[in-house]
Amino acid sequence: MSRRRSCACIIALTMFASSSLTSLDATPVASAMAGRALGVGHTQTVNGFAVKLRWVMEARQAGVADYVPARGNIFLIVALRIQRAGGHGSYYADPQDFHVQTSRGDVIDSEQFGMTHEIHAHHVYNAPVDGVVGFEVPAGDRNLQLLWQPTFSANPDAQATWSIGPVRQIVSNYL
């Protein structure tokens, strides 16, 4: 691994670690999405489990430049916090519960990149789960949405949606 890539990885991991130590209500996201409802920094609760969309970053800005997206696409890294919020049931947190919907209506599944802090499938009990999921998305899309579609037997149609906005605007928040 080159020295430059090592430095970028260390910076990205430091940013992730420092944001992991902030309170649930703190948001490290810049103001471009601040006026939008249910965007970056917002928490949504379904069946007693809350998910907070903490930040969104292009993979190369996060120091994960080992992956080459298809022509016209980029990789996005999405940081999430999942925690119990009054629910008495159980939730099996699975990165496959998260998807990105494009402005054309295409639904893109999350991908496993083998990154540090990547969310892996497991039960959410008392401790919150902090981690990232990745997506390969169209580079010029102006209206991306993150979808959380958990599997709850009592509520099989449960879903939460966040607006993550234009890709270029997201990336500019972290430069």
C-alpha atoms as a PDB file:
ATOM      1  CA  MET A   1       0.000   0.000   0.000  1.00  0.00           C
ATOM      2  CA  SER A   2       1.457   3.374  -0.967  1.00  0.00           C
ATOM      3  CA  ARG A   3       2.263   5.989   1.645  1.00  0.00           C
ATOM      4  CA  ARG A   4      -0.394   8.341   0.221  1.00  0.00           C
ATOM      5  CA  ARG A   5      -3.100   5.638   0.377  1.00  0.00           C
ATOM      6  CA  SER A   6      -2.010   4.727   3.917  1.00  0.00           C
ATOM      7  CA  CYS A   7      -2.365   8.359   4.972  1.00  0.00           C
ATOM      8  CA  ALA A   8      -5.798   8.592   3.347  1.00  0.00           C
ATOM      9  CA  CYS A   9      -6.918   5.408   5.156  1.00  0.00           C
ATOM     10  CA  ILE A  10      -5.673   6.726   8.485  1.00  0.00           C
ATOM     11  CA  ILE A  11      -7.495  10.031   7.959  1.00  0.00           C
ATOM     12  CA  ALA A  12     -10.733   8.254   6.985  1.00  0.00           C
ATOM     13  CA  LEU A  13     -10.550   5.909   9.977  1.00  0.00           C
ATOM     14  CA  THR A  14      -9.786   8.835  12.297  1.00  0.00           C
ATOM     15  CA  MET A  15     -12.828  10.693  10.945  1.00  0.00           C
ATOM     16  CA  PHE A  16     -14.977   7.594  11.453  1.00  0.00           C
ATOM     17  CA  ALA A  17     -13.650   6.972  14.955  1.00  0.00           C
ATOM     18  CA  SER A  18     -14.130  10.576  16.036  1.00  0.00           C
ATOM     19  CA  SER A  19     -17.666  10.653  14.637  1.00  0.00           C
ATOM     20  CA  SER A  20     -18.370   7.373  16.469  1.00  0.00           C
ATOM     21  CA  LEU A  21     -17.560   9.092  19.747  1.00  0.00           C
ATOM     22  CA  THR A  22     -20.038  11.913  19.218  1.00  0.00           C
ATOM     23  CA  SER A  23     -23.465  11.764  20.786  1.00  0.00           C
ATOM     24  CA  LEU A  24     -26.413  10.348  18.854  1.00  0.00           C
ATOM     25  CA  ASP A  25     -27.756  13.843  18.217  1.00  0.00           C
ATOM     26  CA  ALA A  26     -24.485  15.334  17.001  1.00  0.00           C
ATOM     27  CA  THR A  27     -24.033  15.448  13.258  1.00  0.00           C
ATOM     28  CA  PRO A  28     -20.695  15.887  11.456  1.00  0.00           C
ATOM     29  CA  VAL A  29     -22.418  16.722   8.178  1.00  0.00           C
ATOM     30  CA  ALA A  30     -22.046  20.126   6.557  1.00  0.00           C
ATOM     31  CA  SER A  31     -24.975  22.370   5.839  1.00  0.00           C
ATOM     32  CA  ALA A  32     -25.876  21.479   2.238  1.00  0.00           C
ATOM     33  CA  MET A  33     -28.567  19.052   3.402  1.00  0.00           C
ATOM     34  CA  ALA A  34     -29.506  20.837   6.643  1.00  0.00           C
ATOM     35  CA  GLY A  35     -32.807  22.283   5.408  1.00  0.00           C
ATOM     36  CA  ARG A  36     -34.077  19.002   3.994  1.00  0.00           C
ATOM     37  CA  ALA A  37     -36.315  16.794   6.061  1.00  0.00           C
ATOM     38  CA  LEU A  38     -35.151  13.243   6.627  1.00  0.00           C
ATOM     39  CA  GLY A  39     -31.701  13.701   5.187  1.00  0.00           C
ATOM     40  CA  VAL A  40     -28.180  13.136   6.447  1.00  0.00           C
ATOM     41  CA  GLY A  41     -28.062  13.486  10.227  1.00  0.00           C
ATOM     42  CA  HIS A  42     -31.659  12.386  10.822  1.00  0.00           C
ATOM     43  CA  THR A  43     -32.823   9.360  12.808  1.00  0.00           C
ATOM     44  CA  GLN A  44     -35.830   7.258  11.879  1.00  0.00           C
ATOM     45  CA  THR A  45     -37.442   4.646  14.105  1.00  0.00           C
ATOM     46  CA  VAL A  46     -39.291   1.551  12.906  1.00  0.00           C
ATOM     47  CA  ASN A  47     -40.696  -1.070  15.295  1.00  0.00           C
ATOM     48  CA  GLY A  48     -38.644   0.267  18.216  1.00  0.00           C
ATOM     49  CA  PHE A  49     -35.285   0.335  16.406  1.00  0.00           C
ATOM     50  CA  ALA A  50     -33.672   3.593  15.310  1.00  0.00           C
ATOM     51  CA  VAL A  51     -31.286   4.168  12.427  1.00  0.00           C
ATOM     52  CA  LYS A  52     -29.363   7.394  12.069  1.00  0.00           C
ATOM     53  CA  LEU A  53     -27.815   8.313   8.725  1.00  0.00           C
ATOM     54  CA  ARG A  54     -24.581   9.820  10.054  1.00  0.00           C
ATOM     55  CA  TRP A  55     -22.669  10.766   6.910  1.00  0.00           C
ATOM     56  CA  VAL A  56     -22.222   9.925   3.241  1.00  0.00           C
ATOM     57  CA  MET A  57     -18.903  10.084   1.419  1.00  0.00           C
ATOM     58  CA  GLU A  58     -17.478   9.022  -1.914  1.00  0.00           C
ATOM     59  CA  ALA A  59     -15.241   5.995  -1.329  1.00  0.00           C
ATOM     60  CA  ARG A  60     -12.115   7.576  -2.736  1.00  0.00           C
ATOM     61  CA  GLN A  61     -12.574  10.543  -0.374  1.00  0.00           C
ATOM     62  CA  ALA A  62     -12.827   8.040   2.485  1.00  0.00           C
ATOM     63  CA  GLY A  63      -9.508   6.458   1.499  1.00  0.00           C
ATOM     64  CA  VAL A  64     -11.093   3.357  -0.031  1.00  0.00           C
ATOM     65  CA  ALA A  65      -9.610   3.756  -3.506  1.00  0.00           C
ATOM     66  CA  ASP A  66      -8.876   0.083  -4.170  1.00  0.00           C
ATOM     67  CA  TYR A  67     -12.204  -0.427  -5.924  1.00  0.00           C
ATOM     68  CA  VAL A  68     -12.823   0.666  -9.497  1.00  0.00           C
ATOM     69  CA  PRO A  69     -16.490   1.397 -10.223  1.00  0.00           C
ATOM     70  CA  ALA A  70     -18.072   0.777 -13.613  1.00  0.00           C
ATOM     71  CA  ARG A  71     -17.862   3.629 -16.113  1.00  0.00           C
ATOM     72  CA  GLY A  72     -20.154   6.502 -15.066  1.00  0.00           C
ATOM     73  CA  ASN A  73     -20.486   5.227 -11.472  1.00  0.00           C
ATOM     74  CA  ILE A  74     -18.894   5.978  -8.111  1.00  0.00           C
ATOM     75  CA  PHE A  75     -18.780   4.109  -4.818  1.00  0.00           C
ATOM     76  CA  LEU A  76     -20.545   5.754  -1.879  1.00  0.00           C
ATOM     77  CA  ILE A  77     -19.823   4.913   1.745  1.00  0.00           C
ATOM     78  CA  VAL A  78     -22.765   5.476   4.115  1.00  0.00           C
ATOM     79  CA  ALA A  79     -22.194   5.612   7.884  1.00  0.00           C
ATOM     80  CA  LEU A  80     -25.060   4.447  10.079  1.00  0.00           C
ATOM     81  CA  ARG A  81     -25.922   3.980  13.736  1.00  0.00           C
ATOM     82  CA  ILE A  82     -28.507   1.328  14.600  1.00  0.00           C
ATOM     83  CA  GLN A  83     -29.858   1.067  18.133  1.00  0.00           C
ATOM     84  CA  ARG A  84     -32.800  -0.080  20.163  1.00  0.00           C
ATOM     85  CA  ALA A  85     -35.244   2.771  20.752  1.00  0.00           C
ATOM     86  CA  GLY A  86     -37.915   1.334  22.993  1.00  0.00           C
ATOM     87  CA  GLY A  87     -38.468  -1.886  21.085  1.00  0.00           C
ATOM     88  CA  HIS A  88     -38.776  -5.117  23.023  1.00  0.00           C
ATOM     89  CA  GLY A  89     -38.426  -7.411  20.041  1.00  0.00           C
ATOM     90  CA  SER A  90     -35.244  -8.275  18.254  1.00  0.00           C
ATOM     91  CA  TYR A  91     -33.748  -6.950  15.066  1.00  0.00           C
ATOM     92  CA  TYR A  92     -31.173  -8.784  13.023  1.00  0.00           C
ATOM     93  CA  ALA A  93     -29.187  -5.896  11.542  1.00  0.00           C
ATOM     94  CA  ASP A  94     -28.168  -6.866   8.034  1.00  0.00           C
ATOM     95  CA  PRO A  95     -26.389  -4.643   5.503  1.00  0.00           C
ATOM     96  CA  GLN A  96     -28.689  -6.174   2.872  1.00  0.00           C
ATOM     97  CA  ASP A  97     -31.581  -4.272   4.529  1.00  0.00           C
ATOM     98  CA  PHE A  98     -30.110  -1.054   3.075  1.00  0.00           C
ATOM     99  CA  HIS A  99     -30.520   0.053  -0.532  1.00  0.00           C
ATOM    100  CA  VAL A 100     -30.134   3.212  -2.598  1.00  0.00           C
ATOM    101  CA  GLN A 101     -32.893   4.285  -4.943  1.00  0.00           C
ATOM    102  CA  THR A 102     -31.855   6.389  -7.931  1.00  0.00           C
ATOM    103  CA  SER A 103     -33.862   9.210  -9.483  1.00  0.00           C
ATOM    104  CA  ARG A 104     -34.941   6.737 -12.200  1.00  0.00           C
ATOM    105  CA  GLY A 105     -36.407   4.428  -9.554  1.00  0.00           C
ATOM    106  CA  ASP A 106     -33.686   1.775  -9.789  1.00  0.00           C
ATOM    107  CA  VAL A 107     -32.948   0.103  -6.448  1.00  0.00           C
ATOM    108  CA  ILE A 108     -29.283  -0.690  -5.772  1.00  0.00           C
ATOM    109  CA  ASP A 109     -28.324  -3.210  -3.091  1.00  0.00           C
ATOM    110  CA  SER A 110     -25.509  -2.568  -0.638  1.00  0.00           C
ATOM    111  CA  GLU A 111     -22.161  -4.167  -1.387  1.00  0.00           C
ATOM    112  CA  GLN A 112     -19.533  -5.666   0.881  1.00  0.00           C
ATOM    113  CA  PHE A 113     -16.119  -4.065   0.288  1.00  0.00           C
ATOM    114  CA  GLY A 114     -14.185  -5.677   3.141  1.00  0.00           C
ATOM    115  CA  MET A 115     -13.650  -2.285   4.778  1.00  0.00           C
ATOM    116  CA  THR A 116     -12.894  -1.604   8.412  1.00  0.00           C
ATOM    117  CA  HIS A 117     -16.084  -0.754  10.346  1.00  0.00           C
ATOM    118  CA  GLU A 118     -18.331  -2.374   7.738  1.00  0.00           C
ATOM    119  CA  ILE A 119     -21.666  -3.482   9.193  1.00  0.00           C
ATOM    120  CA  HIS A 120     -21.968  -7.244   9.351  1.00  0.00           C
ATOM    121  CA  ALA A 121     -25.197  -9.121  10.010  1.00  0.00           C
ATOM    122  CA  HIS A 122     -25.922  -9.607  13.734  1.00  0.00           C
ATOM    123  CA  HIS A 123     -28.586  -8.934  16.360  1.00  0.00           C
ATOM    124  CA  VAL A 124     -29.015  -5.485  17.867  1.00  0.00           C
ATOM    125  CA  TYR A 125     -29.500  -5.723  21.616  1.00  0.00           C
ATOM    126  CA  ASN A 126     -28.505  -3.048  24.139  1.00  0.00           C
ATOM    127  CA  ALA A 127     -25.386  -1.574  22.544  1.00  0.00           C
ATOM    128  CA  PRO A 128     -25.766   0.534  19.394  1.00  0.00           C
ATOM    129  CA  VAL A 129     -24.170  -0.680  16.191  1.00  0.00           C
ATOM    130  CA  ASP A 130     -22.018   1.847  14.320  1.00  0.00           C
ATOM    131  CA  GLY A 131     -20.706   1.025  10.896  1.00  0.00           C
ATOM    132  CA  VAL A 132     -20.683   1.651   7.175  1.00  0.00           C
ATOM    133  CA  VAL A 133     -22.289   0.148   4.085  1.00  0.00           C
ATOM    134  CA  GLY A 134     -21.248   0.766   0.494  1.00  0.00           C
ATOM    135  CA  PHE A 135     -23.059   1.285  -2.784  1.00  0.00           C
ATOM    136  CA  GLU A 136     -22.035   1.666  -6.428  1.00  0.00           C
ATOM    137  CA  VAL A 137     -24.255   4.454  -7.786  1.00  0.00           C
ATOM    138  CA  PRO A 138     -24.535   6.585 -10.939  1.00  0.00           C
ATOM    139  CA  ALA A 139     -22.081   9.485 -10.672  1.00  0.00           C
ATOM    140  CA  GLY A 140     -24.410  12.247 -11.826  1.00  0.00           C
ATOM    141  CA  ASP A 141     -27.626  11.290 -10.033  1.00  0.00           C
ATOM    142  CA  ARG A 142     -29.364  14.318  -8.512  1.00  0.00           C
ATOM    143  CA  ASN A 143     -31.935  12.587  -6.306  1.00  0.00           C
ATOM    144  CA  LEU A 144     -30.526   9.569  -4.449  1.00  0.00           C
ATOM    145  CA  GLN A 145     -32.435   8.079  -1.519  1.00  0.00           C
ATOM    146  CA  LEU A 146     -31.257   5.616   1.110  1.00  0.00           C
ATOM    147  CA  LEU A 147     -33.845   2.928   1.891  1.00  0.00           C
ATOM    148  CA  TRP A 148     -33.923   0.847   5.068  1.00  0.00           C
ATOM    149  CA  GLN A 149     -36.166  -2.179   4.630  1.00  0.00           C
ATOM    150  CA  PRO A 150     -35.834  -4.239   7.820  1.00  0.00           C
ATOM    151  CA  THR A 151     -37.462  -7.609   8.253  1.00  0.00           C
ATOM    152  CA  PHE A 152     -39.975  -7.513  11.111  1.00  0.00           C
ATOM    153  CA  SER A 153     -42.562 -10.292  11.266  1.00  0.00           C
ATOM    154  CA  ALA A 154     -45.044  -7.921  12.936  1.00  0.00           C
ATOM    155  CA  ASN A 155     -44.540  -5.277  10.235  1.00  0.00           C
ATOM    156  CA  PRO A 156     -43.357  -6.876   6.967  1.00  0.00           C
ATOM    157  CA  ASP A 157     -43.789  -3.638   4.980  1.00  0.00           C
ATOM    158  CA  ALA A 158     -41.638  -1.526   7.335  1.00  0.00           C
ATOM    159  CA  GLN A 159     -39.418   0.980   5.583  1.00  0.00           C
ATOM    160  CA  ALA A 160     -37.611   4.256   6.214  1.00  0.00           C
ATOM    161  CA  THR A 161     -36.213   6.616   3.587  1.00  0.00           C
ATOM    162  CA  TRP A 162     -33.575   9.352   3.694  1.00  0.00           C
ATOM    163  CA  SER A 163     -32.730  11.843   0.978  1.00  0.00           C
ATOM    164  CA  ILE A 164     -28.992  11.822   0.371  1.00  0.00           C
ATOM    165  CA  GLY A 165     -29.196  14.340  -2.457  1.00  0.00           C
ATOM    166  CA  PRO A 166     -26.955  14.966  -5.434  1.00  0.00           C
ATOM    167  CA  VAL A 167     -23.766  12.906  -5.445  1.00  0.00           C
ATOM    168  CA  ARG A 168     -21.459  15.832  -6.223  1.00  0.00           C
ATOM    169  CA  GLN A 169     -23.033  17.886  -3.412  1.00  0.00           C
ATOM    170  CA  ILE A 170     -22.490  15.032  -0.932  1.00  0.00           C
ATOM    171  CA  VAL A 171     -18.824  14.696  -1.840  1.00  0.00           C
ATOM    172  CA  SER A 172     -18.216  18.443  -1.582  1.00  0.00           C
ATOM    173  CA  ASN A 173     -19.266  18.332   2.075  1.00  0.00           C
ATOM    174  CA  TYR A 174     -16.104  16.396   2.930  1.00  0.00           C
ATOM    175  CA  LEU A 175     -13.403  18.054   0.843  1.00  0.00           C
END
